[in-house]
Amino acid sequence: MEVPLTSEQQAQLSQLANSRGRNPETLAQEVLSLYLEHEAHFIDAVKQGIASLDRGEYVEHSEVAERIERLFKS
């Protein structure tokens, strides 16, 4: 698979890779891997949140506001 990059993206990738002494292709693969891992974790967290809601496990908006207020008063 090839992913077309704009000339600006290519320049940014090359500049970042060079500043780290890296190969642009390797850096792009690492960045993509990190992104895919992050997305998988995010999707899992959303699914867990939905399951919690389905079980009735949640905090009301007013309770969240109270907790935040207590944090700032500490």
PDB file of N, CA and C in Angstrom:
ATOM      1  N   MET A   1       0.845  -1.174   0.000  1.00  0.00           N
ATOM      2  CA  MET A   1       0.000   0.000   0.000  1.00  0.00           C
ATOM      3  C   MET A   1       0.888   1.234   0.000  1.00  0.00           C
ATOM      4  N   GLU A   2       0.510   2.173  -0.787  1.00  0.00           N
ATOM      5  CA  GLU A   2       1.208   3.450  -0.799  1.00  0.00           C
ATOM      6  C   GLU A   2       0.243   4.529  -0.340  1.00  0.00           C
ATOM      7  N   VAL A   3       0.755   5.455   0.453  1.00  0.00           N
ATOM      8  CA  VAL A   3      -0.060   6.557   0.939  1.00  0.00           C
ATOM      9  C   VAL A   3       0.508   7.839   0.345  1.00  0.00           C
ATOM     10  N   PRO A   4      -0.253   8.497  -0.502  1.00  0.00           N
ATOM     11  CA  PRO A   4       0.257   9.739  -1.085  1.00  0.00           C
ATOM     12  C   PRO A   4       0.309  10.854  -0.046  1.00  0.00           C
ATOM     13  N   LEU A   5       1.389  11.577  -0.054  1.00  0.00           N
ATOM     14  CA  LEU A   5       1.555  12.717   0.853  1.00  0.00           C
ATOM     15  C   LEU A   5       1.661  13.982   0.020  1.00  0.00           C
ATOM     16  N   THR A   6       1.167  15.068   0.595  1.00  0.00           N
ATOM     17  CA  THR A   6       1.349  16.351  -0.072  1.00  0.00           C
ATOM     18  C   THR A   6       2.827  16.722   0.033  1.00  0.00           C
ATOM     19  N   SER A   7       3.238  17.660  -0.773  1.00  0.00           N
ATOM     20  CA  SER A   7       4.643  18.098  -0.703  1.00  0.00           C
ATOM     21  C   SER A   7       4.945  18.693   0.665  1.00  0.00           C
ATOM     22  N   GLU A   8       3.961  19.361   1.259  1.00  0.00           N
ATOM     23  CA  GLU A   8       4.160  19.921   2.600  1.00  0.00           C
ATOM     24  C   GLU A   8       4.345  18.805   3.628  1.00  0.00           C
ATOM     25  N   GLN A   9       3.527  17.761   3.550  1.00  0.00           N
ATOM     26  CA  GLN A   9       3.656  16.628   4.479  1.00  0.00           C
ATOM     27  C   GLN A   9       5.000  15.938   4.295  1.00  0.00           C
ATOM     28  N   GLN A  10       5.418  15.767   3.061  1.00  0.00           N
ATOM     29  CA  GLN A  10       6.720  15.141   2.798  1.00  0.00           C
ATOM     30  C   GLN A  10       7.844  15.971   3.399  1.00  0.00           C
ATOM     31  N   ALA A  11       7.758  17.279   3.243  1.00  0.00           N
ATOM     32  CA  ALA A  11       8.792  18.157   3.788  1.00  0.00           C
ATOM     33  C   ALA A  11       8.815  18.091   5.312  1.00  0.00           C
ATOM     34  N   GLN A  12       7.631  18.114   5.917  1.00  0.00           N
ATOM     35  CA  GLN A  12       7.553  18.037   7.383  1.00  0.00           C
ATOM     36  C   GLN A  12       8.115  16.711   7.884  1.00  0.00           C
ATOM     37  N   LEU A  13       7.748  15.625   7.215  1.00  0.00           N
ATOM     38  CA  LEU A  13       8.227  14.306   7.624  1.00  0.00           C
ATOM     39  C   LEU A  13       9.744  14.216   7.485  1.00  0.00           C
ATOM     40  N   SER A  14      10.250  14.692   6.379  1.00  0.00           N
ATOM     41  CA  SER A  14      11.703  14.665   6.168  1.00  0.00           C
ATOM     42  C   SER A  14      12.433  15.511   7.200  1.00  0.00           C
ATOM     43  N   GLN A  15      11.907  16.689   7.468  1.00  0.00           N
ATOM     44  CA  GLN A  15      12.538  17.575   8.448  1.00  0.00           C
ATOM     45  C   GLN A  15      12.537  16.931   9.839  1.00  0.00           C
ATOM     46  N   LEU A  16      11.412  16.363  10.229  1.00  0.00           N
ATOM     47  CA  LEU A  16      11.326  15.725  11.538  1.00  0.00           C
ATOM     48  C   LEU A  16      12.251  14.514  11.614  1.00  0.00           C
ATOM     49  N   ALA A  17      12.235  13.705  10.577  1.00  0.00           N
ATOM     50  CA  ALA A  17      13.105  12.526  10.560  1.00  0.00           C
ATOM     51  C   ALA A  17      14.576  12.939  10.628  1.00  0.00           C
ATOM     52  N   ASN A  18      14.952  13.919   9.831  1.00  0.00           N
ATOM     53  CA  ASN A  18      16.345  14.379   9.830  1.00  0.00           C
ATOM     54  C   ASN A  18      16.760  14.929  11.182  1.00  0.00           C
ATOM     55  N   SER A  19      15.849  15.659  11.840  1.00  0.00           N
ATOM     56  CA  SER A  19      16.201  16.234  13.144  1.00  0.00           C
ATOM     57  C   SER A  19      16.409  15.155  14.204  1.00  0.00           C
ATOM     58  N   ARG A  20      15.883  13.984  13.935  1.00  0.00           N
ATOM     59  CA  ARG A  20      16.043  12.871  14.868  1.00  0.00           C
ATOM     60  C   ARG A  20      17.029  11.821  14.354  1.00  0.00           C
ATOM     61  N   GLY A  21      17.655  12.127  13.228  1.00  0.00           N
ATOM     62  CA  GLY A  21      18.620  11.184  12.658  1.00  0.00           C
ATOM     63  C   GLY A  21      17.954   9.906  12.186  1.00  0.00           C
ATOM     64  N   ARG A  22      16.734  10.028  11.667  1.00  0.00           N
ATOM     65  CA  ARG A  22      15.955   8.860  11.282  1.00  0.00           C
ATOM     66  C   ARG A  22      15.660   8.871   9.793  1.00  0.00           C
ATOM     67  N   ASN A  23      15.229   7.759   9.287  1.00  0.00           N
ATOM     68  CA  ASN A  23      14.785   7.607   7.911  1.00  0.00           C
ATOM     69  C   ASN A  23      13.310   8.004   7.848  1.00  0.00           C
ATOM     70  N   PRO A  24      12.896   8.850   6.900  1.00  0.00           N
ATOM     71  CA  PRO A  24      11.497   9.284   6.837  1.00  0.00           C
ATOM     72  C   PRO A  24      10.492   8.126   6.718  1.00  0.00           C
ATOM     73  N   GLU A  25      10.831   7.096   5.947  1.00  0.00           N
ATOM     74  CA  GLU A  25       9.919   5.963   5.782  1.00  0.00           C
ATOM     75  C   GLU A  25       9.725   5.215   7.098  1.00  0.00           C
ATOM     76  N   THR A  26      10.811   5.012   7.826  1.00  0.00           N
ATOM     77  CA  THR A  26      10.732   4.316   9.114  1.00  0.00           C
ATOM     78  C   THR A  26       9.928   5.141  10.110  1.00  0.00           C
ATOM     79  N   LEU A  27      10.188   6.448  10.129  1.00  0.00           N
ATOM     80  CA  LEU A  27       9.444   7.317  11.038  1.00  0.00           C
ATOM     81  C   LEU A  27       7.953   7.292  10.704  1.00  0.00           C
ATOM     82  N   ALA A  28       7.614   7.331   9.417  1.00  0.00           N
ATOM     83  CA  ALA A  28       6.207   7.281   9.013  1.00  0.00           C
ATOM     84  C   ALA A  28       5.553   5.981   9.474  1.00  0.00           C
ATOM     85  N   GLN A  29       6.253   4.859   9.345  1.00  0.00           N
ATOM     86  CA  GLN A  29       5.709   3.582   9.802  1.00  0.00           C
ATOM     87  C   GLN A  29       5.489   3.579  11.314  1.00  0.00           C
ATOM     88  N   GLU A  30       6.439   4.136  12.056  1.00  0.00           N
ATOM     89  CA  GLU A  30       6.305   4.192  13.509  1.00  0.00           C
ATOM     90  C   GLU A  30       5.140   5.080  13.925  1.00  0.00           C
ATOM     91  N   VAL A  31       4.997   6.225  13.246  1.00  0.00           N
ATOM     92  CA  VAL A  31       3.899   7.144  13.553  1.00  0.00           C
ATOM     93  C   VAL A  31       2.564   6.474  13.266  1.00  0.00           C
ATOM     94  N   LEU A  32       2.472   5.791  12.147  1.00  0.00           N
ATOM     95  CA  LEU A  32       1.234   5.098  11.794  1.00  0.00           C
ATOM     96  C   LEU A  32       0.916   4.004  12.813  1.00  0.00           C
ATOM     97  N   SER A  33       1.922   3.261  13.235  1.00  0.00           N
ATOM     98  CA  SER A  33       1.711   2.219  14.243  1.00  0.00           C
ATOM     99  C   SER A  33       1.187   2.805  15.549  1.00  0.00           C
ATOM    100  N   LEU A  34       1.780   3.918  15.977  1.00  0.00           N
ATOM    101  CA  LEU A  34       1.321   4.571  17.205  1.00  0.00           C
ATOM    102  C   LEU A  34      -0.117   5.053  17.066  1.00  0.00           C
ATOM    103  N   TYR A  35      -0.445   5.631  15.925  1.00  0.00           N
ATOM    104  CA  TYR A  35      -1.803   6.107  15.681  1.00  0.00           C
ATOM    105  C   TYR A  35      -2.805   4.951  15.723  1.00  0.00           C
ATOM    106  N   LEU A  36      -2.486   3.854  15.040  1.00  0.00           N
ATOM    107  CA  LEU A  36      -3.396   2.709  15.019  1.00  0.00           C
ATOM    108  C   LEU A  36      -3.589   2.128  16.419  1.00  0.00           C
ATOM    109  N   GLU A  37      -2.519   2.070  17.190  1.00  0.00           N
ATOM    110  CA  GLU A  37      -2.616   1.590  18.573  1.00  0.00           C
ATOM    111  C   GLU A  37      -3.500   2.519  19.401  1.00  0.00           C
ATOM    112  N   HIS A  38      -3.306   3.819  19.237  1.00  0.00           N
ATOM    113  CA  HIS A  38      -4.115   4.798  19.966  1.00  0.00           C
ATOM    114  C   HIS A  38      -5.590   4.651  19.605  1.00  0.00           C
ATOM    115  N   GLU A  39      -5.879   4.521  18.323  1.00  0.00           N
ATOM    116  CA  GLU A  39      -7.269   4.382  17.877  1.00  0.00           C
ATOM    117  C   GLU A  39      -7.908   3.126  18.442  1.00  0.00           C
ATOM    118  N   ALA A  40      -7.169   2.022  18.479  1.00  0.00           N
ATOM    119  CA  ALA A  40      -7.692   0.769  19.035  1.00  0.00           C
ATOM    120  C   ALA A  40      -8.018   0.948  20.515  1.00  0.00           C
ATOM    121  N   HIS A  41      -7.140   1.617  21.260  1.00  0.00           N
ATOM    122  CA  HIS A  41      -7.398   1.867  22.681  1.00  0.00           C
ATOM    123  C   HIS A  41      -8.604   2.785  22.856  1.00  0.00           C
ATOM    124  N   PHE A  42      -8.714   3.796  22.006  1.00  0.00           N
ATOM    125  CA  PHE A  42      -9.838   4.720  22.093  1.00  0.00           C
ATOM    126  C   PHE A  42     -11.158   3.996  21.845  1.00  0.00           C
ATOM    127  N   ILE A  43     -11.204   3.185  20.805  1.00  0.00           N
ATOM    128  CA  ILE A  43     -12.422   2.432  20.490  1.00  0.00           C
ATOM    129  C   ILE A  43     -12.782   1.506  21.643  1.00  0.00           C
ATOM    130  N   ASP A  44     -11.789   0.853  22.235  1.00  0.00           N
ATOM    131  CA  ASP A  44     -12.040  -0.021  23.376  1.00  0.00           C
ATOM    132  C   ASP A  44     -12.600   0.769  24.558  1.00  0.00           C
ATOM    133  N   ALA A  45     -12.037   1.947  24.814  1.00  0.00           N
ATOM    134  CA  ALA A  45     -12.521   2.771  25.926  1.00  0.00           C
ATOM    135  C   ALA A  45     -13.958   3.226  25.692  1.00  0.00           C
ATOM    136  N   VAL A  46     -14.295   3.569  24.465  1.00  0.00           N
ATOM    137  CA  VAL A  46     -15.668   3.967  24.150  1.00  0.00           C
ATOM    138  C   VAL A  46     -16.617   2.791  24.380  1.00  0.00           C
ATOM    139  N   LYS A  47     -16.213   1.619  23.931  1.00  0.00           N
ATOM    140  CA  LYS A  47     -17.047   0.424  24.135  1.00  0.00           C
ATOM    141  C   LYS A  47     -17.241   0.143  25.631  1.00  0.00           C
ATOM    142  N   GLN A  48     -16.178   0.305  26.410  1.00  0.00           N
ATOM    143  CA  GLN A  48     -16.289   0.109  27.862  1.00  0.00           C
ATOM    144  C   GLN A  48     -17.227   1.146  28.464  1.00  0.00           C
ATOM    145  N   GLY A  49     -17.141   2.384  27.993  1.00  0.00           N
ATOM    146  CA  GLY A  49     -18.022   3.435  28.496  1.00  0.00           C
ATOM    147  C   GLY A  49     -19.475   3.143  28.171  1.00  0.00           C
ATOM    148  N   ILE A  50     -19.744   2.692  26.963  1.00  0.00           N
ATOM    149  CA  ILE A  50     -21.111   2.349  26.578  1.00  0.00           C
ATOM    150  C   ILE A  50     -21.628   1.199  27.417  1.00  0.00           C
ATOM    151  N   ALA A  51     -20.785   0.204  27.658  1.00  0.00           N
ATOM    152  CA  ALA A  51     -21.189  -0.930  28.497  1.00  0.00           C
ATOM    153  C   ALA A  51     -21.505  -0.466  29.915  1.00  0.00           C
ATOM    154  N   SER A  52     -20.707   0.475  30.442  1.00  0.00           N
ATOM    155  CA  SER A  52     -20.974   1.022  31.776  1.00  0.00           C
ATOM    156  C   SER A  52     -22.313   1.741  31.811  1.00  0.00           C
ATOM    157  N   LEU A  53     -22.576   2.515  30.778  1.00  0.00           N
ATOM    158  CA  LEU A  53     -23.872   3.201  30.704  1.00  0.00           C
ATOM    159  C   LEU A  53     -25.016   2.205  30.650  1.00  0.00           C
ATOM    160  N   ASP A  54     -24.844   1.152  29.861  1.00  0.00           N
ATOM    161  CA  ASP A  54     -25.876   0.123  29.750  1.00  0.00           C
ATOM    162  C   ASP A  54     -26.151  -0.539  31.101  1.00  0.00           C
ATOM    163  N   ARG A  55     -25.118  -0.623  31.956  1.00  0.00           N
ATOM    164  CA  ARG A  55     -25.291  -1.212  33.291  1.00  0.00           C
ATOM    165  C   ARG A  55     -25.791  -0.183  34.306  1.00  0.00           C
ATOM    166  N   GLY A  56     -25.924   1.054  33.869  1.00  0.00           N
ATOM    167  CA  GLY A  56     -26.374   2.111  34.773  1.00  0.00           C
ATOM    168  C   GLY A  56     -25.262   2.673  35.630  1.00  0.00           C
ATOM    169  N   GLU A  57     -24.037   2.443  35.244  1.00  0.00           N
ATOM    170  CA  GLU A  57     -22.878   2.920  36.002  1.00  0.00           C
ATOM    171  C   GLU A  57     -22.360   4.213  35.370  1.00  0.00           C
ATOM    172  N   TYR A  58     -22.767   5.322  35.941  1.00  0.00           N
ATOM    173  CA  TYR A  58     -22.323   6.618  35.435  1.00  0.00           C
ATOM    174  C   TYR A  58     -22.453   7.654  36.536  1.00  0.00           C
ATOM    175  N   VAL A  59     -21.895   8.818  36.285  1.00  0.00           N
ATOM    176  CA  VAL A  59     -21.935   9.921  37.232  1.00  0.00           C
ATOM    177  C   VAL A  59     -22.738  11.039  36.585  1.00  0.00           C
ATOM    178  N   GLU A  60     -23.684  11.585  37.322  1.00  0.00           N
ATOM    179  CA  GLU A  60     -24.507  12.682  36.823  1.00  0.00           C
ATOM    180  C   GLU A  60     -23.652  13.939  36.626  1.00  0.00           C
ATOM    181  N   HIS A  61     -24.069  14.801  35.736  1.00  0.00           N
ATOM    182  CA  HIS A  61     -23.343  16.036  35.429  1.00  0.00           C
ATOM    183  C   HIS A  61     -23.111  16.864  36.686  1.00  0.00           C
ATOM    184  N   SER A  62     -24.113  16.967  37.522  1.00  0.00           N
ATOM    185  CA  SER A  62     -23.977  17.775  38.735  1.00  0.00           C
ATOM    186  C   SER A  62     -22.893  17.213  39.659  1.00  0.00           C
ATOM    187  N   GLU A  63     -22.775  15.887  39.717  1.00  0.00           N
ATOM    188  CA  GLU A  63     -21.741  15.276  40.554  1.00  0.00           C
ATOM    189  C   GLU A  63     -20.351  15.539  39.978  1.00  0.00           C
ATOM    190  N   VAL A  64     -20.241  15.512  38.681  1.00  0.00           N
ATOM    191  CA  VAL A  64     -18.957  15.820  38.048  1.00  0.00           C
ATOM    192  C   VAL A  64     -18.552  17.252  38.389  1.00  0.00           C
ATOM    193  N   ALA A  65     -19.502  18.176  38.271  1.00  0.00           N
ATOM    194  CA  ALA A  65     -19.218  19.575  38.586  1.00  0.00           C
ATOM    195  C   ALA A  65     -18.780  19.719  40.044  1.00  0.00           C
ATOM    196  N   GLU A  66     -19.444  19.015  40.956  1.00  0.00           N
ATOM    197  CA  GLU A  66     -19.074  19.077  42.371  1.00  0.00           C
ATOM    198  C   GLU A  66     -17.663  18.541  42.589  1.00  0.00           C
ATOM    199  N   ARG A  67     -17.326  17.451  41.924  1.00  0.00           N
ATOM    200  CA  ARG A  67     -15.993  16.869  42.074  1.00  0.00           C
ATOM    201  C   ARG A  67     -14.934  17.828  41.560  1.00  0.00           C
ATOM    202  N   ILE A  68     -15.187  18.445  40.438  1.00  0.00           N
ATOM    203  CA  ILE A  68     -14.230  19.411  39.874  1.00  0.00           C
ATOM    204  C   ILE A  68     -14.062  20.591  40.818  1.00  0.00           C
ATOM    205  N   GLU A  69     -15.157  21.064  41.348  1.00  0.00           N
ATOM    206  CA  GLU A  69     -15.104  22.198  42.273  1.00  0.00           C
ATOM    207  C   GLU A  69     -14.291  21.851  43.511  1.00  0.00           C
ATOM    208  N   ARG A  70     -14.482  20.658  44.035  1.00  0.00           N
ATOM    209  CA  ARG A  70     -13.704  20.216  45.205  1.00  0.00           C
ATOM    210  C   ARG A  70     -12.211  20.156  44.882  1.00  0.00           C
ATOM    211  N   LEU A  71     -11.865  19.723  43.666  1.00  0.00           N
ATOM    212  CA  LEU A  71     -10.455  19.636  43.271  1.00  0.00           C
ATOM    213  C   LEU A  71      -9.800  21.008  43.292  1.00  0.00           C
ATOM    214  N   PHE A  72     -10.530  22.010  42.816  1.00  0.00           N
ATOM    215  CA  PHE A  72      -9.956  23.340  42.744  1.00  0.00           C
ATOM    216  C   PHE A  72      -9.919  24.035  44.096  1.00  0.00           C
ATOM    217  N   LYS A  73     -10.731  23.579  45.026  1.00  0.00           N
ATOM    218  CA  LYS A  73     -10.701  24.167  46.374  1.00  0.00           C
ATOM    219  C   LYS A  73      -9.590  23.576  47.224  1.00  0.00           C
ATOM    220  N   SER A  74      -9.067  22.440  46.825  1.00  0.00           N
ATOM    221  CA  SER A  74      -8.028  21.775  47.603  1.00  0.00           C
ATOM    222  C   SER A  74      -6.706  22.478  47.543  1.00  0.00           C
TER     223      SER A  74
END
